[in-house]
PDB file of N, CA and C in Angstrom:
ATOM      1  N   MET A   1    -148.205-120.796-125.509  1.00  0.00           N
ATOM      2  CA  MET A   1    -149.427-120.320-124.513  1.00  0.00           C
ATOM      3  C   MET A   1    -149.460-120.455-123.207  1.00  0.00           C
ATOM      4  N   ASP A   2    -149.591-119.403-122.405  1.00  0.00           N
ATOM      5  CA  ASP A   2    -149.698-119.313-121.021  1.00  0.00           C
ATOM      6  C   ASP A   2    -150.985-119.539-120.428  1.00  0.00           C
ATOM      7  N   ALA A   3    -151.071-119.589-119.237  1.00  0.00           N
ATOM      8  CA  ALA A   3    -152.233-120.115-118.428  1.00  0.00           C
ATOM      9  C   ALA A   3    -153.076-119.027-118.886  1.00  0.00           C
ATOM     10  N   ALA A   4    -152.922-117.816-118.730  1.00  0.00           N
ATOM     11  CA  ALA A   4    -153.911-116.711-119.111  1.00  0.00           C
ATOM     12  C   ALA A   4    -154.690-116.665-120.546  1.00  0.00           C
ATOM     13  N   ALA A   5    -153.555-117.085-121.420  1.00  0.00           N
ATOM     14  CA  ALA A   5    -154.350-117.039-122.861  1.00  0.00           C
ATOM     15  C   ALA A   5    -155.096-118.461-123.141  1.00  0.00           C
ATOM     16  N   LEU A   6    -154.753-119.587-122.251  1.00  0.00           N
ATOM     17  CA  LEU A   6    -155.524-120.568-122.331  1.00  0.00           C
ATOM     18  C   LEU A   6    -156.966-120.531-121.602  1.00  0.00           C
ATOM     19  N   ARG A   7    -156.925-119.757-120.600  1.00  0.00           N
ATOM     20  CA  ARG A   7    -158.377-119.609-119.945  1.00  0.00           C
ATOM     21  C   ARG A   7    -159.146-118.492-120.678  1.00  0.00           C
ATOM     22  N   SER A   8    -158.535-117.377-121.289  1.00  0.00           N
ATOM     23  CA  SER A   8    -159.372-116.661-122.121  1.00  0.00           C
ATOM     24  C   SER A   8    -159.833-117.215-123.476  1.00  0.00           C
ATOM     25  N   PHE A   9    -159.061-118.182-123.902  1.00  0.00           N
ATOM     26  CA  PHE A   9    -159.385-118.807-125.109  1.00  0.00           C
ATOM     27  C   PHE A   9    -160.630-119.688-125.074  1.00  0.00           C
ATOM     28  N   CYS A  10    -160.360-120.680-123.588  1.00  0.00           N
ATOM     29  CA  CYS A  10    -161.479-121.409-123.534  1.00  0.00           C
ATOM     30  C   CYS A  10    -163.075-120.535-123.064  1.00  0.00           C
ATOM     31  N   LEU A  11    -162.804-119.280-122.283  1.00  0.00           N
ATOM     32  CA  LEU A  11    -163.855-118.790-121.987  1.00  0.00           C
ATOM     33  C   LEU A  11    -164.520-118.084-123.376  1.00  0.00           C
ATOM     34  N   GLU A  12    -163.732-117.757-124.361  1.00  0.00           N
ATOM     35  CA  GLU A  12    -164.386-117.267-125.589  1.00  0.00           C
ATOM     36  C   GLU A  12    -165.385-118.224-126.250  1.00  0.00           C
ATOM     37  N   GLN A  13    -165.363-119.501-126.001  1.00  0.00           N
ATOM     38  CA  GLN A  13    -165.985-120.257-126.593  1.00  0.00           C
ATOM     39  C   GLN A  13    -167.523-120.259-126.155  1.00  0.00           C
ATOM     40  N   ALA A  14    -168.634-120.187-127.113  1.00  0.00           N
ATOM     41  CA  ALA A  14    -169.865-119.993-126.864  1.00  0.00           C
ATOM     42  C   ALA A  14    -170.462-120.620-125.645  1.00  0.00           C
ATOM     43  N   GLY A  15    -170.933-119.884-124.719  1.00  0.00           N
ATOM     44  CA  GLY A  15    -171.726-120.663-123.703  1.00  0.00           C
ATOM     45  C   GLY A  15    -170.997-121.522-122.696  1.00  0.00           C
ATOM     46  N   SER A  16    -169.522-121.179-122.828  1.00  0.00           N
ATOM     47  CA  SER A  16    -168.620-121.780-121.765  1.00  0.00           C
ATOM     48  C   SER A  16    -168.654-120.996-120.368  1.00  0.00           C
ATOM     49  N   ASP A  17    -168.133-121.943-119.550  1.00  0.00           N
ATOM     50  CA  ASP A  17    -167.846-121.268-118.159  1.00  0.00           C
ATOM     51  C   ASP A  17    -166.987-122.059-117.469  1.00  0.00           C
ATOM     52  N   GLU A  18    -166.455-121.478-116.681  1.00  0.00           N
ATOM     53  CA  GLU A  18    -165.261-122.090-115.679  1.00  0.00           C
ATOM     54  C   GLU A  18    -165.674-122.299-114.185  1.00  0.00           C
ATOM     55  N   SER A  19    -165.397-123.517-113.802  1.00  0.00           N
ATOM     56  CA  SER A  19    -165.565-123.891-112.662  1.00  0.00           C
ATOM     57  C   SER A  19    -164.354-124.751-111.771  1.00  0.00           C
ATOM     58  N   PHE A  20    -164.352-124.892-110.518  1.00  0.00           N
ATOM     59  CA  PHE A  20    -163.209-125.816-109.897  1.00  0.00           C
ATOM     60  C   PHE A  20    -163.805-126.680-109.061  1.00  0.00           C
ATOM     61  N   PRO A  21    -164.406-127.768-109.450  1.00  0.00           N
ATOM     62  CA  PRO A  21    -165.035-128.910-108.757  1.00  0.00           C
ATOM     63  C   PRO A  21    -163.810-129.863-108.177  1.00  0.00           C
ATOM     64  N   PHE A  22    -162.776-129.801-108.852  1.00  0.00           N
ATOM     65  CA  PHE A  22    -161.593-130.726-108.036  1.00  0.00           C
ATOM     66  C   PHE A  22    -160.637-130.069-107.356  1.00  0.00           C
ATOM     67  N   GLY A  23    -160.850-128.744-106.887  1.00  0.00           N
ATOM     68  CA  GLY A  23    -160.146-128.000-106.022  1.00  0.00           C
ATOM     69  C   GLY A  23    -159.421-126.717-106.712  1.00  0.00           C
ATOM     70  N   PRO A  24    -158.890-125.794-105.882  1.00  0.00           N
ATOM     71  CA  PRO A  24    -158.699-124.476-106.224  1.00  0.00           C
ATOM     72  C   PRO A  24    -157.619-124.373-107.588  1.00  0.00           C
ATOM     73  N   HIS A  25    -157.016-125.482-107.848  1.00  0.00           N
ATOM     74  CA  HIS A  25    -155.957-125.380-108.849  1.00  0.00           C
ATOM     75  C   HIS A  25    -156.394-125.950-110.183  1.00  0.00           C
ATOM     76  N   THR A  26    -157.467-126.686-110.154  1.00  0.00           N
ATOM     77  CA  THR A  26    -157.777-127.465-111.393  1.00  0.00           C
ATOM     78  C   THR A  26    -158.982-126.645-112.091  1.00  0.00           C
ATOM     79  N   ALA A  27    -158.625-126.014-113.165  1.00  0.00           N
ATOM     80  CA  ALA A  27    -159.966-125.076-113.873  1.00  0.00           C
ATOM     81  C   ALA A  27    -160.380-126.213-114.888  1.00  0.00           C
ATOM     82  N   VAL A  28    -161.836-126.147-114.682  1.00  0.00           N
ATOM     83  CA  VAL A  28    -162.773-127.084-115.662  1.00  0.00           C
ATOM     84  C   VAL A  28    -163.508-126.287-116.475  1.00  0.00           C
ATOM     85  N   PHE A  29    -163.489-126.242-117.854  1.00  0.00           N
ATOM     86  CA  PHE A  29    -164.215-125.449-118.695  1.00  0.00           C
ATOM     87  C   PHE A  29    -165.519-126.425-119.315  1.00  0.00           C
ATOM     88  N   LYS A  30    -166.542-125.692-119.112  1.00  0.00           N
ATOM     89  CA  LYS A  30    -167.771-126.555-119.473  1.00  0.00           C
ATOM     90  C   LYS A  30    -168.580-125.844-120.628  1.00  0.00           C
ATOM     91  N   VAL A  31    -169.370-126.262-121.434  1.00  0.00           N
ATOM     92  CA  VAL A  31    -170.350-126.093-122.047  1.00  0.00           C
ATOM     93  C   VAL A  31    -171.826-126.892-121.947  1.00  0.00           C
ATOM     94  N   GLY A  32    -172.845-126.163-121.683  1.00  0.00           N
ATOM     95  CA  GLY A  32    -174.018-127.000-121.553  1.00  0.00           C
ATOM     96  C   GLY A  32    -173.836-128.051-120.465  1.00  0.00           C
ATOM     97  N   GLY A  33    -173.027-127.955-119.406  1.00  0.00           N
ATOM     98  CA  GLY A  33    -172.838-128.671-118.180  1.00  0.00           C
ATOM     99  C   GLY A  33    -171.936-129.674-118.609  1.00  0.00           C
ATOM    100  N   LYS A  34    -171.154-129.867-119.510  1.00  0.00           N
ATOM    101  CA  LYS A  34    -170.304-131.093-120.010  1.00  0.00           C
ATOM    102  C   LYS A  34    -169.033-130.234-120.096  1.00  0.00           C
ATOM    103  N   ILE A  35    -168.016-131.397-119.677  1.00  0.00           N
ATOM    104  CA  ILE A  35    -166.466-130.707-119.722  1.00  0.00           C
ATOM    105  C   ILE A  35    -166.209-130.874-121.034  1.00  0.00           C
ATOM    106  N   PHE A  36    -165.436-129.668-121.564  1.00  0.00           N
ATOM    107  CA  PHE A  36    -164.713-129.624-122.853  1.00  0.00           C
ATOM    108  C   PHE A  36    -162.933-129.408-122.433  1.00  0.00           C
ATOM    109  N   ALA A  37    -162.782-129.087-121.486  1.00  0.00           N
ATOM    110  CA  ALA A  37    -161.323-128.730-121.139  1.00  0.00           C
ATOM    111  C   ALA A  37    -160.988-128.725-119.750  1.00  0.00           C
ATOM    112  N   LEU A  38    -159.851-129.303-119.357  1.00  0.00           N
ATOM    113  CA  LEU A  38    -159.221-129.206-118.012  1.00  0.00           C
ATOM    114  C   LEU A  38    -157.885-128.689-117.898  1.00  0.00           C
ATOM    115  N   THR A  39    -157.462-127.966-116.936  1.00  0.00           N
ATOM    116  CA  THR A  39    -156.066-127.770-116.793  1.00  0.00           C
ATOM    117  C   THR A  39    -155.830-127.543-115.288  1.00  0.00           C
ATOM    118  N   ARG A  40    -154.452-127.812-115.204  1.00  0.00           N
ATOM    119  CA  ARG A  40    -154.126-127.606-113.567  1.00  0.00           C
ATOM    120  C   ARG A  40    -153.228-126.306-113.687  1.00  0.00           C
ATOM    121  N   ARG A  41    -153.575-125.405-113.118  1.00  0.00           N
ATOM    122  CA  ARG A  41    -152.965-124.047-113.166  1.00  0.00           C
ATOM    123  C   ARG A  41    -151.686-123.798-112.417  1.00  0.00           C
ATOM    124  N   ASP A  42    -151.420-124.859-111.499  1.00  0.00           N
ATOM    125  CA  ASP A  42    -150.405-124.660-110.779  1.00  0.00           C
ATOM    126  C   ASP A  42    -149.261-125.501-111.061  1.00  0.00           C
ATOM    127  N   THR A  43    -149.401-126.362-112.363  1.00  0.00           N
ATOM    128  CA  THR A  43    -148.181-127.294-112.724  1.00  0.00           C
ATOM    129  C   THR A  43    -147.241-126.580-113.822  1.00  0.00           C
ATOM    130  N   GLU A  44    -146.155-127.001-113.985  1.00  0.00           N
ATOM    131  CA  GLU A  44    -145.310-126.430-114.663  1.00  0.00           C
ATOM    132  C   GLU A  44    -144.461-127.772-115.370  1.00  0.00           C
ATOM    133  N   PRO A  45    -144.654-127.834-116.657  1.00  0.00           N
ATOM    134  CA  PRO A  45    -145.148-127.218-117.584  1.00  0.00           C
ATOM    135  C   PRO A  45    -146.697-127.228-117.780  1.00  0.00           C
ATOM    136  N   LEU A  46    -147.143-126.148-118.057  1.00  0.00           N
ATOM    137  CA  LEU A  46    -148.770-126.278-118.190  1.00  0.00           C
ATOM    138  C   LEU A  46    -149.233-127.142-119.195  1.00  0.00           C
ATOM    139  N   THR A  47    -150.232-127.900-118.770  1.00  0.00           N
ATOM    140  CA  THR A  47    -150.879-128.860-119.615  1.00  0.00           C
ATOM    141  C   THR A  47    -152.547-128.683-119.591  1.00  0.00           C
ATOM    142  N   VAL A  48    -153.121-129.143-120.786  1.00  0.00           N
ATOM    143  CA  VAL A  48    -154.627-128.817-120.719  1.00  0.00           C
ATOM    144  C   VAL A  48    -154.945-130.293-121.406  1.00  0.00           C
ATOM    145  N   SER A  49    -156.237-130.683-120.917  1.00  0.00           N
ATOM    146  CA  SER A  49    -156.814-132.020-121.605  1.00  0.00           C
ATOM    147  C   SER A  49    -157.967-131.565-122.289  1.00  0.00           C
ATOM    148  N   LEU A  50    -158.320-132.285-123.637  1.00  0.00           N
ATOM    149  CA  LEU A  50    -159.361-131.893-124.130  1.00  0.00           C
ATOM    150  C   LEU A  50    -159.815-133.276-124.932  1.00  0.00           C
ATOM    151  N   LYS A  51    -161.265-133.081-125.212  1.00  0.00           N
ATOM    152  CA  LYS A  51    -161.956-134.249-125.912  1.00  0.00           C
ATOM    153  C   LYS A  51    -161.660-134.136-127.427  1.00  0.00           C
ATOM    154  N   GLY A  52    -161.887-135.466-128.052  1.00  0.00           N
ATOM    155  CA  GLY A  52    -161.579-135.177-129.412  1.00  0.00           C
ATOM    156  C   GLY A  52    -162.149-136.516-130.069  1.00  0.00           C
ATOM    157  N   ASN A  53    -162.084-136.454-131.377  1.00  0.00           N
ATOM    158  CA  ASN A  53    -162.353-137.610-132.346  1.00  0.00           C
ATOM    159  C   ASN A  53    -161.492-138.672-132.081  1.00  0.00           C
ATOM    160  N   PRO A  54    -161.528-139.998-131.764  1.00  0.00           N
ATOM    161  CA  PRO A  54    -160.675-140.823-131.573  1.00  0.00           C
ATOM    162  C   PRO A  54    -159.372-141.074-132.578  1.00  0.00           C
ATOM    163  N   GLU A  55    -159.844-141.124-133.983  1.00  0.00           N
ATOM    164  CA  GLU A  55    -159.127-141.299-134.915  1.00  0.00           C
ATOM    165  C   GLU A  55    -158.144-140.185-135.055  1.00  0.00           C
ATOM    166  N   LEU A  56    -158.538-138.897-134.975  1.00  0.00           N
ATOM    167  CA  LEU A  56    -157.688-137.738-135.106  1.00  0.00           C
ATOM    168  C   LEU A  56    -156.631-137.517-133.808  1.00  0.00           C
ATOM    169  N   LEU A  57    -157.095-138.023-132.747  1.00  0.00           N
ATOM    170  CA  LEU A  57    -156.368-138.224-131.329  1.00  0.00           C
ATOM    171  C   LEU A  57    -155.131-139.093-131.752  1.00  0.00           C
ATOM    172  N   GLU A  58    -155.421-140.250-132.360  1.00  0.00           N
ATOM    173  CA  GLU A  58    -154.507-141.352-132.212  1.00  0.00           C
ATOM    174  C   GLU A  58    -153.372-140.720-133.345  1.00  0.00           C
ATOM    175  N   SER A  59    -153.866-140.097-134.468  1.00  0.00           N
ATOM    176  CA  SER A  59    -152.719-139.633-135.358  1.00  0.00           C
ATOM    177  C   SER A  59    -152.038-138.548-134.610  1.00  0.00           C
ATOM    178  N   LEU A  60    -152.732-137.791-133.799  1.00  0.00           N
ATOM    179  CA  LEU A  60    -151.964-136.488-133.134  1.00  0.00           C
ATOM    180  C   LEU A  60    -151.077-137.017-132.331  1.00  0.00           C
ATOM    181  N   ARG A  61    -151.240-138.132-131.421  1.00  0.00           N
ATOM    182  CA  ARG A  61    -150.358-138.734-130.676  1.00  0.00           C
ATOM    183  C   ARG A  61    -149.102-139.276-131.272  1.00  0.00           C
ATOM    184  N   ALA A  62    -149.442-139.798-132.297  1.00  0.00           N
ATOM    185  CA  ALA A  62    -148.089-140.133-133.081  1.00  0.00           C
ATOM    186  C   ALA A  62    -147.480-139.274-133.668  1.00  0.00           C
ATOM    187  N   ASP A  63    -147.905-137.868-133.990  1.00  0.00           N
ATOM    188  CA  ASP A  63    -147.138-136.742-134.650  1.00  0.00           C
ATOM    189  C   ASP A  63    -146.255-135.967-133.675  1.00  0.00           C
ATOM    190  N   TYR A  64    -147.183-135.845-132.262  1.00  0.00           N
ATOM    191  CA  TYR A  64    -146.353-134.886-131.626  1.00  0.00           C
ATOM    192  C   TYR A  64    -146.095-135.674-130.125  1.00  0.00           C
ATOM    193  N   GLU A  65    -145.094-135.368-129.636  1.00  0.00           N
ATOM    194  CA  GLU A  65    -144.515-135.764-128.384  1.00  0.00           C
ATOM    195  C   GLU A  65    -145.328-135.032-127.102  1.00  0.00           C
ATOM    196  N   SER A  66    -145.788-133.808-127.207  1.00  0.00           N
ATOM    197  CA  SER A  66    -146.198-133.141-126.326  1.00  0.00           C
ATOM    198  C   SER A  66    -148.010-133.518-126.073  1.00  0.00           C
ATOM    199  N   ILE A  67    -148.288-134.413-126.941  1.00  0.00           N
ATOM    200  CA  ILE A  67    -149.915-134.827-127.093  1.00  0.00           C
ATOM    201  C   ILE A  67    -149.758-136.359-126.706  1.00  0.00           C
ATOM    202  N   VAL A  68    -150.592-136.759-125.520  1.00  0.00           N
ATOM    203  CA  VAL A  68    -150.419-138.028-124.955  1.00  0.00           C
ATOM    204  C   VAL A  68    -152.030-138.357-124.743  1.00  0.00           C
ATOM    205  N   PRO A  69    -152.295-139.650-124.113  1.00  0.00           N
ATOM    206  CA  PRO A  69    -153.524-140.012-123.855  1.00  0.00           C
ATOM    207  C   PRO A  69    -154.012-139.106-122.629  1.00  0.00           C
ATOM    208  N   GLY A  70    -155.168-138.860-122.603  1.00  0.00           N
ATOM    209  CA  GLY A  70    -155.887-138.095-121.235  1.00  0.00           C
ATOM    210  C   GLY A  70    -155.215-138.480-120.141  1.00  0.00           C
ATOM    211  N   TYR A  71    -154.633-137.762-119.309  1.00  0.00           N
ATOM    212  CA  TYR A  71    -154.343-138.004-117.933  1.00  0.00           C
ATOM    213  C   TYR A  71    -155.830-138.061-117.044  1.00  0.00           C
ATOM    214  N   HIS A  72    -155.712-139.268-116.388  1.00  0.00           N
ATOM    215  CA  HIS A  72    -157.183-139.497-115.714  1.00  0.00           C
ATOM    216  C   HIS A  72    -158.335-139.385-116.357  1.00  0.00           C
ATOM    217  N   LEU A  73    -158.280-139.579-117.857  1.00  0.00           N
ATOM    218  CA  LEU A  73    -159.519-139.639-118.525  1.00  0.00           C
ATOM    219  C   LEU A  73    -159.590-140.839-119.602  1.00  0.00           C
ATOM    220  N   ASN A  74    -160.696-140.704-120.153  1.00  0.00           N
ATOM    221  CA  ASN A  74    -160.794-142.091-121.190  1.00  0.00           C
ATOM    222  C   ASN A  74    -159.782-141.534-122.310  1.00  0.00           C
ATOM    223  N   LYS A  75    -158.837-142.628-122.406  1.00  0.00           N
ATOM    224  CA  LYS A  75    -157.537-142.574-123.234  1.00  0.00           C
ATOM    225  C   LYS A  75    -157.967-142.566-124.505  1.00  0.00           C
ATOM    226  N   ARG A  76    -159.106-143.153-125.156  1.00  0.00           N
ATOM    227  CA  ARG A  76    -159.393-143.020-126.397  1.00  0.00           C
ATOM    228  C   ARG A  76    -159.832-141.883-126.969  1.00  0.00           C
ATOM    229  N   HIS A  77    -160.758-141.116-126.155  1.00  0.00           N
ATOM    230  CA  HIS A  77    -161.498-139.957-126.278  1.00  0.00           C
ATOM    231  C   HIS A  77    -160.967-138.655-125.851  1.00  0.00           C
ATOM    232  N   TRP A  78    -159.813-138.521-125.004  1.00  0.00           N
ATOM    233  CA  TRP A  78    -159.312-137.532-124.556  1.00  0.00           C
ATOM    234  C   TRP A  78    -157.727-137.697-124.742  1.00  0.00           C
ATOM    235  N   VAL A  79    -157.124-136.224-124.917  1.00  0.00           N
ATOM    236  CA  VAL A  79    -155.610-136.250-124.776  1.00  0.00           C
ATOM    237  C   VAL A  79    -155.173-135.247-123.890  1.00  0.00           C
ATOM    238  N   THR A  80    -153.888-135.284-123.285  1.00  0.00           N
ATOM    239  CA  THR A  80    -153.310-134.189-122.653  1.00  0.00           C
ATOM    240  C   THR A  80    -152.387-133.613-123.338  1.00  0.00           C
ATOM    241  N   ILE A  81    -152.322-132.350-123.451  1.00  0.00           N
ATOM    242  CA  ILE A  81    -151.326-131.577-124.291  1.00  0.00           C
ATOM    243  C   ILE A  81    -150.602-130.803-123.242  1.00  0.00           C
ATOM    244  N   THR A  82    -149.018-130.847-123.596  1.00  0.00           N
ATOM    245  CA  THR A  82    -148.332-130.112-122.844  1.00  0.00           C
ATOM    246  C   THR A  82    -148.058-128.626-123.614  1.00  0.00           C
ATOM    247  N   LEU A  83    -148.317-127.595-123.096  1.00  0.00           N
ATOM    248  CA  LEU A  83    -148.356-126.183-123.913  1.00  0.00           C
ATOM    249  C   LEU A  83    -146.890-125.884-124.051  1.00  0.00           C
ATOM    250  N   ASN A  84    -146.622-125.114-125.138  1.00  0.00           N
ATOM    251  CA  ASN A  84    -145.426-124.728-125.415  1.00  0.00           C
ATOM    252  C   ASN A  84    -144.341-125.938-125.843  1.00  0.00           C
ATOM    253  N   GLY A  85    -144.824-127.095-126.081  1.00  0.00           N
ATOM    254  CA  GLY A  85    -144.067-128.092-126.582  1.00  0.00           C
ATOM    255  C   GLY A  85    -144.087-128.128-128.194  1.00  0.00           C
ATOM    256  N   ASP A  86    -144.054-129.235-129.019  1.00  0.00           N
ATOM    257  CA  ASP A  86    -143.948-129.282-130.131  1.00  0.00           C
ATOM    258  C   ASP A  86    -145.113-129.029-130.915  1.00  0.00           C
ATOM    259  N   ALA A  87    -146.421-129.029-130.213  1.00  0.00           N
ATOM    260  CA  ALA A  87    -147.661-128.745-130.568  1.00  0.00           C
ATOM    261  C   ALA A  87    -147.802-127.243-130.907  1.00  0.00           C
ATOM    262  N   PRO A  88    -148.012-126.878-132.274  1.00  0.00           N
ATOM    263  CA  PRO A  88    -148.091-125.412-132.277  1.00  0.00           C
ATOM    264  C   PRO A  88    -149.374-124.869-131.512  1.00  0.00           C
ATOM    265  N   ASP A  89    -149.210-123.511-131.271  1.00  0.00           N
ATOM    266  CA  ASP A  89    -150.315-122.909-130.348  1.00  0.00           C
ATOM    267  C   ASP A  89    -151.772-122.923-131.270  1.00  0.00           C
ATOM    268  N   GLN A  90    -151.575-122.801-132.570  1.00  0.00           N
ATOM    269  CA  GLN A  90    -152.766-122.760-133.376  1.00  0.00           C
ATOM    270  C   GLN A  90    -153.328-124.215-133.561  1.00  0.00           C
ATOM    271  N   LEU A  91    -152.812-125.151-133.337  1.00  0.00           N
ATOM    272  CA  LEU A  91    -153.281-126.562-133.207  1.00  0.00           C
ATOM    273  C   LEU A  91    -153.925-126.649-131.876  1.00  0.00           C
ATOM    274  N   VAL A  92    -153.583-126.167-130.823  1.00  0.00           N
ATOM    275  CA  VAL A  92    -154.094-126.173-129.588  1.00  0.00           C
ATOM    276  C   VAL A  92    -155.443-125.617-129.497  1.00  0.00           C
ATOM    277  N   ARG A  93    -155.279-124.229-130.075  1.00  0.00           N
ATOM    278  CA  ARG A  93    -156.642-123.557-130.370  1.00  0.00           C
ATOM    279  C   ARG A  93    -157.668-124.193-131.205  1.00  0.00           C
ATOM    280  N   ASP A  94    -157.367-124.967-132.079  1.00  0.00           N
ATOM    281  CA  ASP A  94    -158.139-125.639-132.954  1.00  0.00           C
ATOM    282  C   ASP A  94    -158.670-126.754-132.191  1.00  0.00           C
ATOM    283  N   LEU A  95    -157.885-127.484-131.691  1.00  0.00           N
ATOM    284  CA  LEU A  95    -158.383-128.548-130.758  1.00  0.00           C
ATOM    285  C   LEU A  95    -159.436-128.146-129.608  1.00  0.00           C
ATOM    286  N   ILE A  96    -159.020-127.046-129.081  1.00  0.00           N
ATOM    287  CA  ILE A  96    -160.096-126.476-127.977  1.00  0.00           C
ATOM    288  C   ILE A  96    -161.535-126.249-128.648  1.00  0.00           C
ATOM    289  N   GLU A  97    -161.472-125.730-129.790  1.00  0.00           N
ATOM    290  CA  GLU A  97    -162.734-125.181-130.412  1.00  0.00           C
ATOM    291  C   GLU A  97    -163.317-126.785-130.696  1.00  0.00           C
ATOM    292  N   ASP A  98    -162.514-127.689-131.262  1.00  0.00           N
ATOM    293  CA  ASP A  98    -162.938-129.202-131.532  1.00  0.00           C
ATOM    294  C   ASP A  98    -163.672-129.785-130.553  1.00  0.00           C
ATOM    295  N   SER A  99    -163.001-129.809-129.199  1.00  0.00           N
ATOM    296  CA  SER A  99    -163.569-130.388-128.206  1.00  0.00           C
ATOM    297  C   SER A  99    -164.719-129.599-127.438  1.00  0.00           C
ATOM    298  N   HIS A 100    -164.979-128.175-127.656  1.00  0.00           N
ATOM    299  CA  HIS A 100    -166.108-127.436-127.440  1.00  0.00           C
ATOM    300  C   HIS A 100    -167.391-127.962-128.202  1.00  0.00           C
ATOM    301  N   ASP A 101    -166.889-128.080-129.700  1.00  0.00           N
ATOM    302  CA  ASP A 101    -167.923-128.347-130.565  1.00  0.00           C
ATOM    303  C   ASP A 101    -168.528-129.780-130.265  1.00  0.00           C
ATOM    304  N   LEU A 102    -167.598-130.457-130.142  1.00  0.00           N
ATOM    305  CA  LEU A 102    -168.097-132.086-129.838  1.00  0.00           C
ATOM    306  C   LEU A 102    -169.111-132.142-128.736  1.00  0.00           C
ATOM    307  N   VAL A 103    -168.650-131.504-127.562  1.00  0.00           N
ATOM    308  CA  VAL A 103    -169.428-131.756-126.309  1.00  0.00           C
ATOM    309  C   VAL A 103    -170.843-130.720-126.345  1.00  0.00           C
ATOM    310  N   ARG A 104    -170.423-129.751-127.276  1.00  0.00           N
ATOM    311  CA  ARG A 104    -171.702-128.829-127.462  1.00  0.00           C
ATOM    312  C   ARG A 104    -172.834-129.621-127.910  1.00  0.00           C
TER     313      ARG A 104
END
């Protein structure tokens, strides 16, 4: 998944919007005023941080090298995923949907 596909999928989520409160390179996706995804568009490899169920996130961190505790976020409730790593794109899309649903 590249940056354009990530942005497009995040914006496809019902009621979502994009803003840049942390500067021009950090895209923040919100629903109802609450953050469900963050990504730095100027980094390589591309990463995205997502909120999720703590038990699921713990399991995913154990199963995938590309899924680590959230960078600068609550480590129990957030993960940062390196895209195009060992986590399949479909899993990333599912986690984006889960994060969106959780904060909505």
